[in-house]
C-alpha atoms as a PDB file:
ATOM      1  CA  MET A   1     287.847  33.002  42.429  1.00  0.00           C
ATOM      2  CA  SER A   2     285.006  35.197  42.475  1.00  0.00           C
ATOM      3  CA  THR A   3     284.420  37.449  39.428  1.00  0.00           C
ATOM      4  CA  ASP A   4     281.698  39.589  41.099  1.00  0.00           C
ATOM      5  CA  ARG A   5     282.745  43.303  41.006  1.00  0.00           C
ATOM      6  CA  PRO A   6     282.302  45.519  44.057  1.00  0.00           C
ATOM      7  CA  ALA A   7     279.042  47.457  43.906  1.00  0.00           C
ATOM      8  CA  ALA A   8     279.659  50.964  42.590  1.00  0.00           C
ATOM      9  CA  ARG A   9     279.519  53.474  45.383  1.00  0.00           C
ATOM     10  CA  ARG A  10     276.617  55.977  45.107  1.00  0.00           C
ATOM     11  CA  ARG A  11     277.867  59.493  44.423  1.00  0.00           C
ATOM     12  CA  TYR A  12     276.505  62.127  46.797  1.00  0.00           C
ATOM     13  CA  ALA A  13     276.438  65.897  46.385  1.00  0.00           C
ATOM     14  CA  ALA A  14     279.122  67.745  48.011  1.00  0.00           C
ATOM     15  CA  ARG A  15     278.215  69.496  51.259  1.00  0.00           C
ATOM     16  CA  MET A  16     277.773  73.271  50.973  1.00  0.00           C
ATOM     17  CA  PRO A  17     276.037  75.812  53.095  1.00  0.00           C
ATOM     18  CA  LEU A  18     272.330  75.791  52.848  1.00  0.00           C
ATOM     19  CA  GLU A  19     272.077  79.294  51.246  1.00  0.00           C
ATOM     20  CA  GLU A  20     274.625  78.288  48.718  1.00  0.00           C
ATOM     21  CA  ARG A  21     272.653  75.050  48.002  1.00  0.00           C
ATOM     22  CA  ARG A  22     269.342  76.986  47.549  1.00  0.00           C
ATOM     23  CA  GLU A  23     270.979  79.338  45.097  1.00  0.00           C
ATOM     24  CA  GLU A  24     272.382  76.453  43.142  1.00  0.00           C
ATOM     25  CA  LEU A  25     268.995  74.891  43.022  1.00  0.00           C
ATOM     26  CA  LEU A  26     267.251  78.109  41.982  1.00  0.00           C
ATOM     27  CA  ASP A  27     269.742  78.387  39.146  1.00  0.00           C
ATOM     28  CA  ALA A  28     269.099  74.863  38.172  1.00  0.00           C
ATOM     29  CA  ALA A  29     265.388  75.389  38.235  1.00  0.00           C
ATOM     30  CA  LEU A  30     265.762  78.503  35.885  1.00  0.00           C
ATOM     31  CA  ARG A  31     267.752  76.300  33.374  1.00  0.00           C
ATOM     32  CA  VAL A  32     264.910  73.805  33.451  1.00  0.00           C
ATOM     33  CA  LEU A  33     262.305  76.474  32.884  1.00  0.00           C
ATOM     34  CA  ALA A  34     264.298  78.016  30.036  1.00  0.00           C
ATOM     35  CA  ARG A  35     264.651  74.683  28.296  1.00  0.00           C
ATOM     36  CA  ASP A  36     261.450  72.864  29.014  1.00  0.00           C
ATOM     37  CA  GLY A  37     258.819  75.250  30.466  1.00  0.00           C
ATOM     38  CA  TYR A  38     256.799  75.221  33.631  1.00  0.00           C
ATOM     39  CA  GLY A  39     255.122  71.993  32.922  1.00  0.00           C
ATOM     40  CA  GLN A  40     258.383  70.135  33.272  1.00  0.00           C
ATOM     41  CA  LEU A  41     259.546  71.898  36.431  1.00  0.00           C
ATOM     42  CA  THR A  42     259.704  68.940  38.936  1.00  0.00           C
ATOM     43  CA  ILE A  43     261.845  68.092  41.931  1.00  0.00           C
ATOM     44  CA  SER A  44     263.382  65.245  39.796  1.00  0.00           C
ATOM     45  CA  ALA A  45     264.099  67.541  36.912  1.00  0.00           C
ATOM     46  CA  ILE A  46     265.775  70.115  39.245  1.00  0.00           C
ATOM     47  CA  ALA A  47     267.732  67.526  41.062  1.00  0.00           C
ATOM     48  CA  ALA A  48     269.132  66.041  37.652  1.00  0.00           C
ATOM     49  CA  GLU A  49     269.882  69.536  36.384  1.00  0.00           C
ATOM     50  CA  ALA A  50     271.907  70.378  39.594  1.00  0.00           C
ATOM     51  CA  GLY A  51     273.564  66.883  39.778  1.00  0.00           C
ATOM     52  CA  VAL A  52     272.120  66.151  43.200  1.00  0.00           C
ATOM     53  CA  THR A  53     269.577  63.660  44.481  1.00  0.00           C
ATOM     54  CA  ARG A  54     265.908  64.491  45.173  1.00  0.00           C
ATOM     55  CA  PRO A  55     266.327  64.342  49.026  1.00  0.00           C
ATOM     56  CA  VAL A  56     268.910  67.255  48.648  1.00  0.00           C
ATOM     57  CA  VAL A  57     266.256  69.355  46.950  1.00  0.00           C
ATOM     58  CA  TYR A  58     263.581  68.527  49.645  1.00  0.00           C
ATOM     59  CA  ASP A  59     266.103  69.354  52.423  1.00  0.00           C
ATOM     60  CA  ALA A  60     266.728  72.707  50.927  1.00  0.00           C
ATOM     61  CA  TYR A  61     263.094  73.780  50.137  1.00  0.00           C
ATOM     62  CA  GLY A  62     260.641  71.068  51.210  1.00  0.00           C
ATOM     63  CA  GLY A  63     258.854  70.825  47.830  1.00  0.00           C
ATOM     64  CA  ILE A  64     258.352  72.319  44.509  1.00  0.00           C
ATOM     65  CA  ASP A  65     255.889  74.983  45.698  1.00  0.00           C
ATOM     66  CA  PRO A  66     258.322  76.632  48.258  1.00  0.00           C
ATOM     67  CA  LEU A  67     261.041  76.411  45.619  1.00  0.00           C
ATOM     68  CA  LEU A  68     258.986  78.130  42.955  1.00  0.00           C
ATOM     69  CA  HIS A  69     257.945  80.928  45.387  1.00  0.00           C
ATOM     70  CA  ALA A  70     261.666  81.428  46.191  1.00  0.00           C
ATOM     71  CA  LEU A  71     262.495  81.595  42.578  1.00  0.00           C
ATOM     72  CA  LEU A  72     259.625  84.134  42.038  1.00  0.00           C
ATOM     73  CA  ASP A  73     260.928  86.200  44.986  1.00  0.00           C
ATOM     74  CA  ARG A  74     264.371  86.294  43.455  1.00  0.00           C
ATOM     75  CA  THR A  75     263.191  87.167  40.053  1.00  0.00           C
ATOM     76  CA  GLN A  76     260.996  89.979  41.337  1.00  0.00           C
ATOM     77  CA  GLU A  77     263.717  91.381  43.499  1.00  0.00           C
ATOM     78  CA  ARG A  78     266.104  91.459  40.462  1.00  0.00           C
ATOM     79  CA  ALA A  79     263.474  93.080  38.230  1.00  0.00           C
ATOM     80  CA  THR A  80     262.562  95.689  40.857  1.00  0.00           C
ATOM     81  CA  ALA A  81     266.261  96.431  41.416  1.00  0.00           C
ATOM     82  CA  ALA A  82     266.868  96.956  37.810  1.00  0.00           C
ATOM     83  CA  ALA A  83     263.844  99.328  37.619  1.00  0.00           C
ATOM     84  CA  LEU A  84     264.837 101.257  40.701  1.00  0.00           C
ATOM     85  CA  ALA A  85     268.356 101.893  39.346  1.00  0.00           C
ATOM     86  CA  LEU A  86     266.728 103.809  36.471  1.00  0.00           C
ATOM     87  CA  ILE A  87     264.330 105.990  38.566  1.00  0.00           C
ATOM     88  CA  PRO A  88     265.424 109.596  39.351  1.00  0.00           C
ATOM     89  CA  ALA A  89     266.087 109.975  42.966  1.00  0.00           C
ATOM     90  CA  GLY A  90     263.652 112.119  45.084  1.00  0.00           C
ATOM     91  CA  GLY A  91     261.431 113.188  42.175  1.00  0.00           C
ATOM     92  CA  THR A  92     264.240 114.877  40.439  1.00  0.00           C
ATOM     93  CA  PRO A  93     263.048 116.507  37.146  1.00  0.00           C
ATOM     94  CA  VAL A  94     264.413 114.867  33.899  1.00  0.00           C
ATOM     95  CA  ASP A  95     264.419 115.360  30.128  1.00  0.00           C
ATOM     96  CA  LEU A  96     261.446 112.913  29.857  1.00  0.00           C
ATOM     97  CA  ASP A  97     262.078 111.670  26.313  1.00  0.00           C
ATOM     98  CA  ARG A  98     265.660 111.053  27.121  1.00  0.00           C
ATOM     99  CA  TRP A  99     264.797 109.223  30.308  1.00  0.00           C
ATOM    100  CA  LEU A 100     262.168 107.006  28.689  1.00  0.00           C
ATOM    101  CA  LEU A 101     264.857 105.948  26.183  1.00  0.00           C
ATOM    102  CA  GLU A 102     267.484 105.420  28.718  1.00  0.00           C
ATOM    103  CA  ALA A 103     265.145 103.400  30.923  1.00  0.00           C
ATOM    104  CA  ALA A 104     264.153 101.121  28.160  1.00  0.00           C
ATOM    105  CA  ASP A 105     267.768 100.737  27.231  1.00  0.00           C
ATOM    106  CA  GLY A 106     268.645  99.904  30.907  1.00  0.00           C
ATOM    107  CA  LEU A 107     265.872  97.213  31.121  1.00  0.00           C
ATOM    108  CA  LEU A 108     266.682  95.703  27.881  1.00  0.00           C
ATOM    109  CA  ARG A 109     270.381  95.505  28.875  1.00  0.00           C
ATOM    110  CA  ALA A 110     269.270  93.771  32.017  1.00  0.00           C
ATOM    111  CA  VAL A 111     267.336  91.205  30.023  1.00  0.00           C
ATOM    112  CA  GLU A 112     270.216  90.785  27.728  1.00  0.00           C
ATOM    113  CA  ALA A 113     272.617  90.216  30.447  1.00  0.00           C
ATOM    114  CA  ASP A 114     270.480  87.629  32.396  1.00  0.00           C
ATOM    115  CA  PRO A 115     268.161  86.043  29.844  1.00  0.00           C
ATOM    116  CA  GLU A 116     267.601  82.854  31.957  1.00  0.00           C
ATOM    117  CA  THR A 117     266.182  85.048  34.742  1.00  0.00           C
ATOM    118  CA  TRP A 118     263.820  86.954  32.506  1.00  0.00           C
ATOM    119  CA  ARG A 119     262.629  84.284  30.037  1.00  0.00           C
ATOM    120  CA  PRO A 120     260.388  82.513  32.370  1.00  0.00           C
ATOM    121  CA  VAL A 121     258.374  85.613  33.191  1.00  0.00           C
ATOM    122  CA  LEU A 122     258.356  87.218  29.805  1.00  0.00           C
ATOM    123  CA  VAL A 123     258.309  84.536  27.316  1.00  0.00           C
ATOM    124  CA  LEU A 124     257.455  81.170  28.961  1.00  0.00           C
ATOM    125  CA  THR A 125     254.180  82.212  30.519  1.00  0.00           C
ATOM    126  CA  ASP A 126     251.780  79.810  28.676  1.00  0.00           C
ATOM    127  CA  GLY A 127     250.851  77.127  31.126  1.00  0.00           C
ATOM    128  CA  ALA A 128     252.394  79.001  34.065  1.00  0.00           C
ATOM    129  CA  PRO A 129     250.859  78.394  37.471  1.00  0.00           C
ATOM    130  CA  PRO A 130     248.555  81.026  38.907  1.00  0.00           C
ATOM    131  CA  ALA A 131     251.095  82.032  41.466  1.00  0.00           C
ATOM    132  CA  VAL A 132     253.618  82.799  38.637  1.00  0.00           C
ATOM    133  CA  ARG A 133     250.884  84.987  36.857  1.00  0.00           C
ATOM    134  CA  GLU A 134     249.959  86.818  39.901  1.00  0.00           C
ATOM    135  CA  ARG A 135     253.666  87.659  40.817  1.00  0.00           C
ATOM    136  CA  ILE A 136     254.307  88.841  37.231  1.00  0.00           C
ATOM    137  CA  GLU A 137     251.355  91.088  37.431  1.00  0.00           C
ATOM    138  CA  SER A 138     252.471  92.488  40.899  1.00  0.00           C
ATOM    139  CA  THR A 139     255.849  93.353  39.572  1.00  0.00           C
ATOM    140  CA  LEU A 140     254.140  94.987  36.547  1.00  0.00           C
ATOM    141  CA  VAL A 141     252.135  97.042  38.929  1.00  0.00           C
ATOM    142  CA  LEU A 142     255.314  98.333  40.759  1.00  0.00           C
ATOM    143  CA  LEU A 143     256.980  99.215  37.411  1.00  0.00           C
ATOM    144  CA  ARG A 144     253.887 101.134  36.169  1.00  0.00           C
ATOM    145  CA  GLY A 145     253.826 103.018  39.431  1.00  0.00           C
ATOM    146  CA  PHE A 146     257.519 103.987  39.018  1.00  0.00           C
ATOM    147  CA  VAL A 147     256.916 105.214  35.481  1.00  0.00           C
ATOM    148  CA  ALA A 148     253.638 107.060  36.587  1.00  0.00           C
ATOM    149  CA  ASP A 149     255.686 108.905  39.237  1.00  0.00           C
ATOM    150  CA  VAL A 150     258.273 110.051  36.887  1.00  0.00           C
ATOM    151  CA  LEU A 151     255.642 111.206  34.405  1.00  0.00           C
ATOM    152  CA  ARG A 152     253.721 113.222  37.106  1.00  0.00           C
ATOM    153  CA  THR A 153     257.057 114.884  38.139  1.00  0.00           C
ATOM    154  CA  ASN A 154     257.905 115.918  34.627  1.00  0.00           C
ATOM    155  CA  LEU A 155     254.632 116.675  32.861  1.00  0.00           C
ATOM    156  CA  ASP A 156     252.726 119.982  33.180  1.00  0.00           C
ATOM    157  CA  PRO A 157     250.405 119.620  36.268  1.00  0.00           C
ATOM    158  CA  GLU A 158     247.636 121.139  34.230  1.00  0.00           C
ATOM    159  CA  THR A 159     247.878 118.343  31.571  1.00  0.00           C
ATOM    160  CA  ASP A 160     244.677 116.324  30.973  1.00  0.00           C
ATOM    161  CA  LEU A 161     246.848 113.279  30.007  1.00  0.00           C
ATOM    162  CA  ASP A 162     245.832 110.177  31.848  1.00  0.00           C
ATOM    163  CA  VAL A 163     249.224 109.414  33.412  1.00  0.00           C
ATOM    164  CA  GLU A 164     248.201 105.906  34.667  1.00  0.00           C
ATOM    165  CA  VAL A 165     247.180 104.709  31.218  1.00  0.00           C
ATOM    166  CA  VAL A 166     250.292 106.103  29.564  1.00  0.00           C
ATOM    167  CA  ALA A 167     252.476 104.437  32.124  1.00  0.00           C
ATOM    168  CA  HIS A 168     250.585 101.188  31.567  1.00  0.00           C
ATOM    169  CA  SER A 169     251.225 101.528  27.848  1.00  0.00           C
ATOM    170  CA  LEU A 170     254.844 102.441  28.066  1.00  0.00           C
ATOM    171  CA  VAL A 171     255.529  99.461  30.293  1.00  0.00           C
ATOM    172  CA  ALA A 172     253.658  96.990  28.131  1.00  0.00           C
ATOM    173  CA  LEU A 173     255.655  98.331  25.078  1.00  0.00           C
ATOM    174  CA  VAL A 174     259.036  97.736  26.768  1.00  0.00           C
ATOM    175  CA  GLN A 175     257.771  94.438  28.118  1.00  0.00           C
ATOM    176  CA  GLU A 176     257.034  93.412  24.417  1.00  0.00           C
ATOM    177  CA  PHE A 177     260.482  94.709  23.378  1.00  0.00           C
ATOM    178  CA  ALA A 178     262.001  92.396  25.936  1.00  0.00           C
ATOM    179  CA  ARG A 179     260.026  89.427  24.688  1.00  0.00           C
ATOM    180  CA  LEU A 180     261.239  90.046  21.146  1.00  0.00           C
ATOM    181  CA  LEU A 181     264.785  90.240  22.458  1.00  0.00           C
ATOM    182  CA  LEU A 182     264.550  87.077  24.200  1.00  0.00           C
ATOM    183  CA  ALA A 183     262.471  85.043  21.626  1.00  0.00           C
ATOM    184  CA  LYS A 184     264.307  86.328  18.378  1.00  0.00           C
ATOM    185  CA  PRO A 185     267.504  88.165  19.291  1.00  0.00           C
ATOM    186  CA  ASP A 186     269.055  87.935  15.757  1.00  0.00           C
ATOM    187  CA  GLU A 187     265.929  89.437  14.231  1.00  0.00           C
ATOM    188  CA  TYR A 188     265.099  92.040  17.023  1.00  0.00           C
ATOM    189  CA  PRO A 189     268.471  92.967  18.615  1.00  0.00           C
ATOM    190  CA  LYS A 190     268.384  95.660  21.253  1.00  0.00           C
ATOM    191  CA  GLU A 191     269.726  98.388  18.868  1.00  0.00           C
ATOM    192  CA  ARG A 192     266.786  97.833  16.532  1.00  0.00           C
ATOM    193  CA  LEU A 193     264.245  97.994  19.336  1.00  0.00           C
ATOM    194  CA  LEU A 194     265.733 101.074  20.820  1.00  0.00           C
ATOM    195  CA  ALA A 195     265.844 102.709  17.424  1.00  0.00           C
ATOM    196  CA  ALA A 196     262.086 102.011  16.881  1.00  0.00           C
ATOM    197  CA  TYR A 197     261.354 103.408  20.372  1.00  0.00           C
ATOM    198  CA  ALA A 198     263.355 106.635  19.693  1.00  0.00           C
ATOM    199  CA  GLY A 199     261.294 107.026  16.469  1.00  0.00           C
ATOM    200  CA  MET A 200     258.111 106.778  18.313  1.00  0.00           C
ATOM    201  CA  LEU A 201     259.119 109.401  20.870  1.00  0.00           C
ATOM    202  CA  ALA A 202     260.171 111.699  18.078  1.00  0.00           C
ATOM    203  CA  LEU A 203     256.814 111.185  16.243  1.00  0.00           C
ATOM    204  CA  ARG A 204     255.040 112.087  19.586  1.00  0.00           C
ATOM    205  CA  ARG A 205     256.891 115.302  19.558  1.00  0.00           C
ATOM    206  CA  ARG A 206     255.761 116.253  16.103  1.00  0.00           C
ATOM    207  CA  THR A 207     252.052 115.668  16.804  1.00  0.00           C
END
C-alpha cells in the first residue's frame, strides 16, 4: 500500500475585480513601506504582504515602477483633497490666525487618521527613488500655493511681506509637525504641536 501523500494543492488568490485588486496591492505596498522602507519595496514583498502570487501583482500593474507611480498618485490625491477641504471657497476672507491653526489641525488629523499613507512621504524619505522625491515636492508646491492664495486674500495689499516665502515657511513647519506626530506620537501628540503653533501665532501678534 502506497504511503505517498497527495501533493498539496497550491493556493491561489481569490478572483476580484481589477480595480479592487489594485487597491489591495497598493494597501499592501503601503504596509511594506511603513515597516521596511523603500529599499525593500519589491514585487515579492508586496505579493507576500497581500497573500497573492507574483503573477497577480504583475497582472495588476506590470511591474514595480507602475505600481509605485500609482501609489504616489493616490497619496498625492489624498494629500491634495485634505488640503482643499481646508481652503476657503472663492477667496473668502477669514480670520487668518484662526484659519492657520484650523488648517494645521485639519492636516494633522488627516495624518493621525491615516498614518500609513503619510509616513512614506513624510518620514521614510531617506533612500526614496527620485520619482518619489519629485512627487513629494510637486505636492508641497501645490500646498504652498494654496496657503499663499489665502495669505494674499487676507493680508493688507500694501504689505511688504513676502507671501511666497511665508507660505513656504508655514508649510514646512506643519510638515515638520506631521513628521514628529508620525515618528514620536507619544512625545509629540497633536495637542502639544497645536499648542506650540498657537503660541507662535500669538507671539507674532505681539511683535
